[in-house]
Amino acid sequence: MLMLIVSVLNLYAKSAIMKKIGILGSGIVARVLGDGFLKSGHEVMLGSRDTAKLAEWKGKAGDRAHMGSFADAAAFGDILVLAAKGSAAAEVITIAGAGNLSGKTVIDTTNPIKDAPPADGVLPYFTDINYSLMEQLQDKFPEANFVKAFNSVGNAYMVNPLFKDGTASMFICGNSEDAKNEVKEILKQFGWDIWDMGRAPAARAIEPLCMLWCIPGFLQNQWTHAFKLMKA
């Protein structure tokens, strides 16, 4: 009887935390995070302009994986992930329908990278240091609750990364405490040490971490690292 009760409680716990995740994007970041959500027990829909290119992913991902348009994914998700190119982020949200984002947590993985090569290993950005891409998106789509995350590590290490020096740090920010709490739960599932850096303006500091992360890659072909914030 005790074993039966434990099994029922475990099933209830899993069902209680299971979410529908809508991902706006179909590239490698979208697929890696989508697979991570599926492994954590969630249901996932990837949104794309061209769903045909998601057929292979859908075939491998299983019954809880779905594909559709940007609008389909935005309407589907309890929680959304913006996994589009930074320069196309606002357009993707517009196509998805701002109303489909209203009141929802939107995990913003984007970086404002220019369509230009790096200089001495440093990526060029199209934003000003005093007005981040996430702030621009939050101002343009005020009904959504943006939370910056996953922008400063390579896609191979976004989900349950293993580093010889220990657990890596993920920096987040956003205006909604409830939305950040949802993202923190996801990051715990994905094996991260979480650092909440405050409201949306903190994205001015978090987004450039992508520049720093990429420098060893461009200069030394070293892409297997992450950031760790240490406490004394």
Protein backbone atom coordinates (compact mmCIF):
# COMPACT_ATOMS: atom_id res chain seq x y z
CA MET A 1 0.00 0.00 0.00
CA LEU A 2 2.81 2.42 0.88
CA MET A 3 4.50 1.79 -2.48
CA LEU A 4 1.22 2.47 -4.28
CA ILE A 5 0.76 5.76 -2.43
CA VAL A 6 4.32 6.84 -3.28
CA SER A 7 3.77 5.98 -6.95
CA VAL A 8 0.55 7.96 -7.06
CA LEU A 9 2.22 10.95 -5.40
CA ASN A 10 5.12 10.79 -7.87
CA LEU A 11 2.73 10.72 -10.81
CA TYR A 12 0.81 13.64 -9.34
CA ALA A 13 4.00 15.64 -8.82
CA LYS A 14 5.07 15.07 -12.42
CA SER A 15 1.68 16.07 -13.79
CA ALA A 16 1.56 19.12 -11.53
CA ILE A 17 4.80 20.58 -12.87
CA MET A 18 4.33 19.57 -16.52
CA LYS A 19 3.93 22.61 -18.73
CA LYS A 20 3.21 23.26 -22.36
CA ILE A 21 6.24 25.02 -23.84
CA GLY A 22 5.93 27.03 -27.05
CA ILE A 23 9.24 27.80 -28.74
CA LEU A 24 9.43 30.60 -31.31
CA GLY A 25 12.22 29.34 -33.53
CA SER A 26 13.37 26.17 -35.24
CA GLY A 27 17.18 26.41 -35.22
CA ILE A 28 19.67 24.53 -33.08
CA VAL A 29 18.93 26.52 -29.89
CA ALA A 30 15.19 25.87 -30.27
CA ARG A 31 15.75 22.17 -30.83
CA VAL A 32 18.23 21.71 -27.98
CA LEU A 33 15.94 23.46 -25.52
CA GLY A 34 12.93 21.66 -26.93
CA ASP A 35 14.61 18.30 -26.33
CA GLY A 36 15.56 19.42 -22.83
CA PHE A 37 11.98 20.33 -21.99
CA LEU A 38 10.74 17.00 -23.34
CA LYS A 39 13.24 15.08 -21.21
CA SER A 40 12.05 17.05 -18.18
CA GLY A 41 8.48 15.90 -18.77
CA HIS A 42 7.02 18.92 -20.55
CA GLU A 43 5.07 19.08 -23.81
CA VAL A 44 6.69 21.17 -26.56
CA MET A 45 5.72 22.89 -29.79
CA LEU A 46 8.36 24.44 -32.05
CA GLY A 47 7.15 27.31 -34.22
CA SER A 48 8.61 28.08 -37.63
CA ARG A 49 7.92 29.92 -40.85
CA ASP A 50 8.51 26.57 -42.59
CA THR A 51 7.27 23.59 -40.57
CA ALA A 52 8.56 21.12 -43.19
CA LYS A 53 12.08 21.54 -41.86
CA LEU A 54 10.90 20.36 -38.42
CA ALA A 55 9.62 17.00 -39.65
CA GLU A 56 12.84 15.16 -38.78
CA TRP A 57 12.93 16.68 -35.28
CA LYS A 58 9.27 15.77 -34.72
CA GLY A 59 9.88 12.20 -35.88
CA LYS A 60 12.67 11.70 -33.35
CA ALA A 61 11.17 13.69 -30.46
CA GLY A 62 8.02 11.65 -29.85
CA ASP A 63 4.35 12.14 -29.08
CA ARG A 64 4.79 15.15 -26.76
CA ALA A 65 6.60 17.09 -29.50
CA HIS A 66 4.62 19.23 -31.91
CA MET A 67 5.33 21.67 -34.72
CA GLY A 68 3.39 24.62 -36.07
CA SER A 69 3.55 28.26 -37.05
CA PHE A 70 4.87 30.98 -34.76
CA ALA A 71 1.27 31.80 -33.87
CA ASP A 72 0.49 28.14 -33.18
CA ALA A 73 3.47 27.81 -30.83
CA ALA A 74 2.71 31.09 -29.04
CA ALA A 75 -0.92 30.09 -28.47
CA PHE A 76 0.08 26.57 -27.40
CA GLY A 77 2.61 27.45 -24.72
CA ASP A 78 1.97 28.12 -21.05
CA ILE A 79 5.59 29.31 -21.13
CA LEU A 80 7.26 30.60 -24.30
CA VAL A 81 10.86 30.61 -25.48
CA LEU A 82 12.10 33.21 -27.93
CA ALA A 83 14.84 31.39 -29.85
CA ALA A 84 15.05 33.52 -32.97
CA LYS A 85 17.84 35.57 -34.46
CA GLY A 86 18.16 38.81 -32.49
CA SER A 87 17.60 41.02 -35.51
CA ALA A 88 14.38 39.13 -36.30
CA ALA A 89 13.04 38.84 -32.73
CA ALA A 90 10.47 41.65 -32.90
CA GLU A 91 9.24 40.47 -36.30
CA VAL A 92 8.83 36.91 -35.05
CA ILE A 93 6.76 38.10 -32.08
CA THR A 94 4.62 40.26 -34.35
CA ILE A 95 3.96 37.27 -36.61
CA ALA A 96 3.23 35.09 -33.57
CA GLY A 97 0.67 37.65 -32.41
CA ALA A 98 1.37 39.85 -29.42
CA GLY A 99 -1.92 38.76 -27.88
CA ASN A 100 -0.66 35.18 -27.73
CA LEU A 101 2.16 36.37 -25.46
CA SER A 102 -0.05 38.38 -23.11
CA GLY A 103 0.56 37.51 -19.47
CA LYS A 104 2.97 34.71 -20.33
CA THR A 105 6.57 34.14 -19.34
CA VAL A 106 8.81 34.54 -22.40
CA ILE A 107 12.34 33.18 -22.00
CA ASP A 108 14.46 35.49 -24.15
CA THR A 109 17.55 33.67 -25.45
CA THR A 110 18.40 36.27 -28.08
CA ASN A 111 21.46 38.46 -28.56
CA PRO A 112 21.62 41.64 -30.68
CA ILE A 113 24.36 40.42 -33.01
CA LYS A 114 24.96 42.39 -36.20
CA ASP A 115 25.24 40.64 -39.55
CA ALA A 116 28.97 41.35 -39.59
CA PRO A 117 32.12 39.40 -38.69
CA PRO A 118 33.84 39.74 -35.30
CA ALA A 119 36.75 42.15 -34.89
CA ASP A 120 39.65 40.63 -32.93
CA GLY A 121 37.20 37.99 -31.73
CA VAL A 122 34.59 40.51 -30.54
CA LEU A 123 31.10 40.32 -32.03
CA PRO A 124 29.48 43.60 -33.13
CA TYR A 125 26.07 44.43 -31.62
CA PHE A 126 23.33 46.60 -33.10
CA THR A 127 22.14 47.88 -29.70
CA ASP A 128 23.38 50.70 -27.52
CA ILE A 129 24.95 49.75 -24.18
CA ASN A 130 22.21 51.69 -22.39
CA TYR A 131 19.24 50.00 -24.11
CA SER A 132 19.38 46.23 -24.48
CA LEU A 133 17.47 44.12 -26.97
CA MET A 134 15.33 42.65 -24.20
CA GLU A 135 14.38 46.12 -23.00
CA GLN A 136 13.36 47.01 -26.54
CA LEU A 137 11.20 43.90 -26.77
CA GLN A 138 9.66 44.50 -23.33
CA ASP A 139 8.80 48.08 -24.28
CA LYS A 140 7.36 47.02 -27.66
CA PHE A 141 5.34 44.13 -26.21
CA PRO A 142 4.49 45.25 -22.64
CA GLU A 143 1.89 42.54 -21.99
CA ALA A 144 4.55 39.80 -22.19
CA ASN A 145 6.85 38.95 -19.27
CA PHE A 146 10.34 38.65 -20.74
CA VAL A 147 13.11 36.91 -18.82
CA LYS A 148 16.63 36.89 -20.24
CA ALA A 149 18.31 33.47 -20.04
CA PHE A 150 20.43 31.01 -22.05
CA ASN A 151 22.09 33.80 -24.05
CA SER A 152 25.66 33.44 -22.74
CA VAL A 153 26.49 29.76 -23.26
CA GLY A 154 26.77 27.51 -26.29
CA ASN A 155 23.77 25.40 -27.27
CA ALA A 156 25.66 22.18 -26.48
CA TYR A 157 25.73 23.19 -22.80
CA MET A 158 22.26 24.67 -22.28
CA VAL A 159 20.67 21.57 -20.77
CA ASN A 160 22.27 19.67 -17.85
CA PRO A 161 25.82 20.74 -18.71
CA LEU A 162 28.79 18.96 -17.15
CA PHE A 163 31.90 21.01 -16.39
CA LYS A 164 34.98 19.76 -14.56
CA ASP A 165 35.04 22.90 -12.41
CA GLY A 166 31.50 22.44 -11.10
CA THR A 167 28.07 23.88 -11.77
CA ALA A 168 28.02 26.88 -14.10
CA SER A 169 26.10 30.11 -13.48
CA MET A 170 23.09 31.27 -15.46
CA PHE A 171 22.31 34.98 -15.25
CA ILE A 172 18.70 36.07 -15.61
CA CYS A 173 16.71 39.29 -15.38
CA GLY A 174 13.19 40.52 -15.96
CA ASN A 175 10.50 42.77 -14.56
CA SER A 176 8.10 40.05 -13.38
CA GLU A 177 9.05 38.15 -10.23
CA ASP A 178 6.50 35.43 -11.03
CA ALA A 179 7.98 34.97 -14.49
CA LYS A 180 11.50 34.78 -13.10
CA ASN A 181 10.36 32.18 -10.58
CA GLU A 182 9.00 30.05 -13.43
CA VAL A 183 12.33 30.34 -15.25
CA LYS A 184 14.25 29.50 -12.09
CA GLU A 185 12.32 26.23 -11.78
CA ILE A 186 13.26 25.37 -15.36
CA LEU A 187 16.90 26.23 -14.75
CA LYS A 188 16.94 24.01 -11.68
CA GLN A 189 15.64 21.14 -13.83
CA PHE A 190 18.37 21.92 -16.37
CA GLY A 191 21.15 21.85 -13.76
CA TRP A 192 22.17 25.53 -13.43
CA ASP A 193 23.39 27.75 -10.60
CA ILE A 194 20.97 30.67 -10.90
CA TRP A 195 21.78 34.34 -10.43
CA ASP A 196 18.86 36.77 -10.56
CA MET A 197 20.31 40.13 -11.58
CA GLY A 198 17.12 42.14 -11.20
CA ARG A 199 14.88 43.95 -13.63
CA ALA A 200 15.04 44.31 -17.41
CA PRO A 201 17.83 46.95 -17.50
CA ALA A 202 20.22 44.26 -16.22
CA ALA A 203 20.03 42.79 -19.73
CA ARG A 204 22.42 45.61 -20.71
CA ALA A 205 25.07 43.66 -18.78
CA ILE A 206 23.87 40.11 -19.49
CA GLU A 207 23.60 40.37 -23.27
CA PRO A 208 27.27 41.37 -23.74
CA LEU A 209 28.30 38.18 -21.94
CA CYS A 210 27.72 36.49 -25.28
CA MET A 211 30.52 38.63 -26.72
CA LEU A 212 32.84 37.55 -23.93
CA TRP A 213 31.82 33.91 -24.22
CA CYS A 214 32.58 33.89 -27.97
CA ILE A 215 36.07 35.45 -27.81
CA PRO A 216 37.91 32.21 -26.84
CA GLY A 217 35.99 30.48 -29.61
CA PHE A 218 36.89 32.92 -32.35
CA LEU A 219 40.52 33.34 -31.23
CA GLN A 220 41.39 29.85 -29.95
CA ASN A 221 38.56 27.59 -31.23
CA GLN A 222 37.59 26.99 -27.58
CA TRP A 223 33.82 26.62 -27.21
CA THR A 224 33.47 24.29 -24.20
CA HIS A 225 33.28 26.80 -21.35
CA ALA A 226 30.71 28.67 -19.28
CA PHE A 227 30.65 31.42 -16.66
CA LYS A 228 30.77 30.86 -12.91
CA LEU A 229 30.14 33.62 -10.37
CA MET A 230 32.11 32.89 -7.22
CA LYS A 231 31.33 33.97 -3.64
CA ALA A 232 33.93 34.55 -0.94
